[in-house]
């Protein structure tokens, strides 16, 4: 039969082995008092030390977080750019077959840089596009809503804008919803649409135009 002193040594070794397995270091000495005659020495009882939470590296401030302080533009500038992107896309996707193509282009060019305006003018007034819309008697009315900001540079922003068209035509009415990447660049104190692409194609912001 193991003696009390032997049991204390075994218990001590087992505890140290368990603590070592979780990476803790502990020094423990058995009770030096001898048991009373005729009584068995009970194994020493251990209690886990309370876990002291680590001091947080940072604490929340009572002041509201101002995300605009970390952007290269003011809240008002960002809102103006987003509004321009929405109005441009709605104007671009709103047209009718009996409208003068030149008038349609003039409406759209009010929102764009000169270069993009020239590109859109060639597309929107191409004989194939004009004839197709007239043959089908297409009338499109559109709305647009900014869904997210894809990229922000010092003088340009790429918005993902959802355009929704309500279209009537000879073959029957339909609704078309599509996401576009609209790059808006700052020219002086004003904003202009620099580029328009399907959102799936992506764009890089550019301040030139």
Foldseek 3Di string as FASTA:
>chain_A
DDALVVVQVVVVVVVQVVCVVVPDDDDDDDDPDDDPPPDGDDHDDDDDDDDDDDDDPDDDDPDDDDPQVVALDHPVVVVQQQVLVFVLVQLLQFDWLPDDLVVSLVSNCVFADPVVSVVVSCVSPPPVNNVVRNVFRKGKGKGKHFDAWDDGDNFKTWTWMKMWIFIQTNVGTDIDIFIKTWMWGDDPPDIHTYDIDGPVVDDDHDNDD
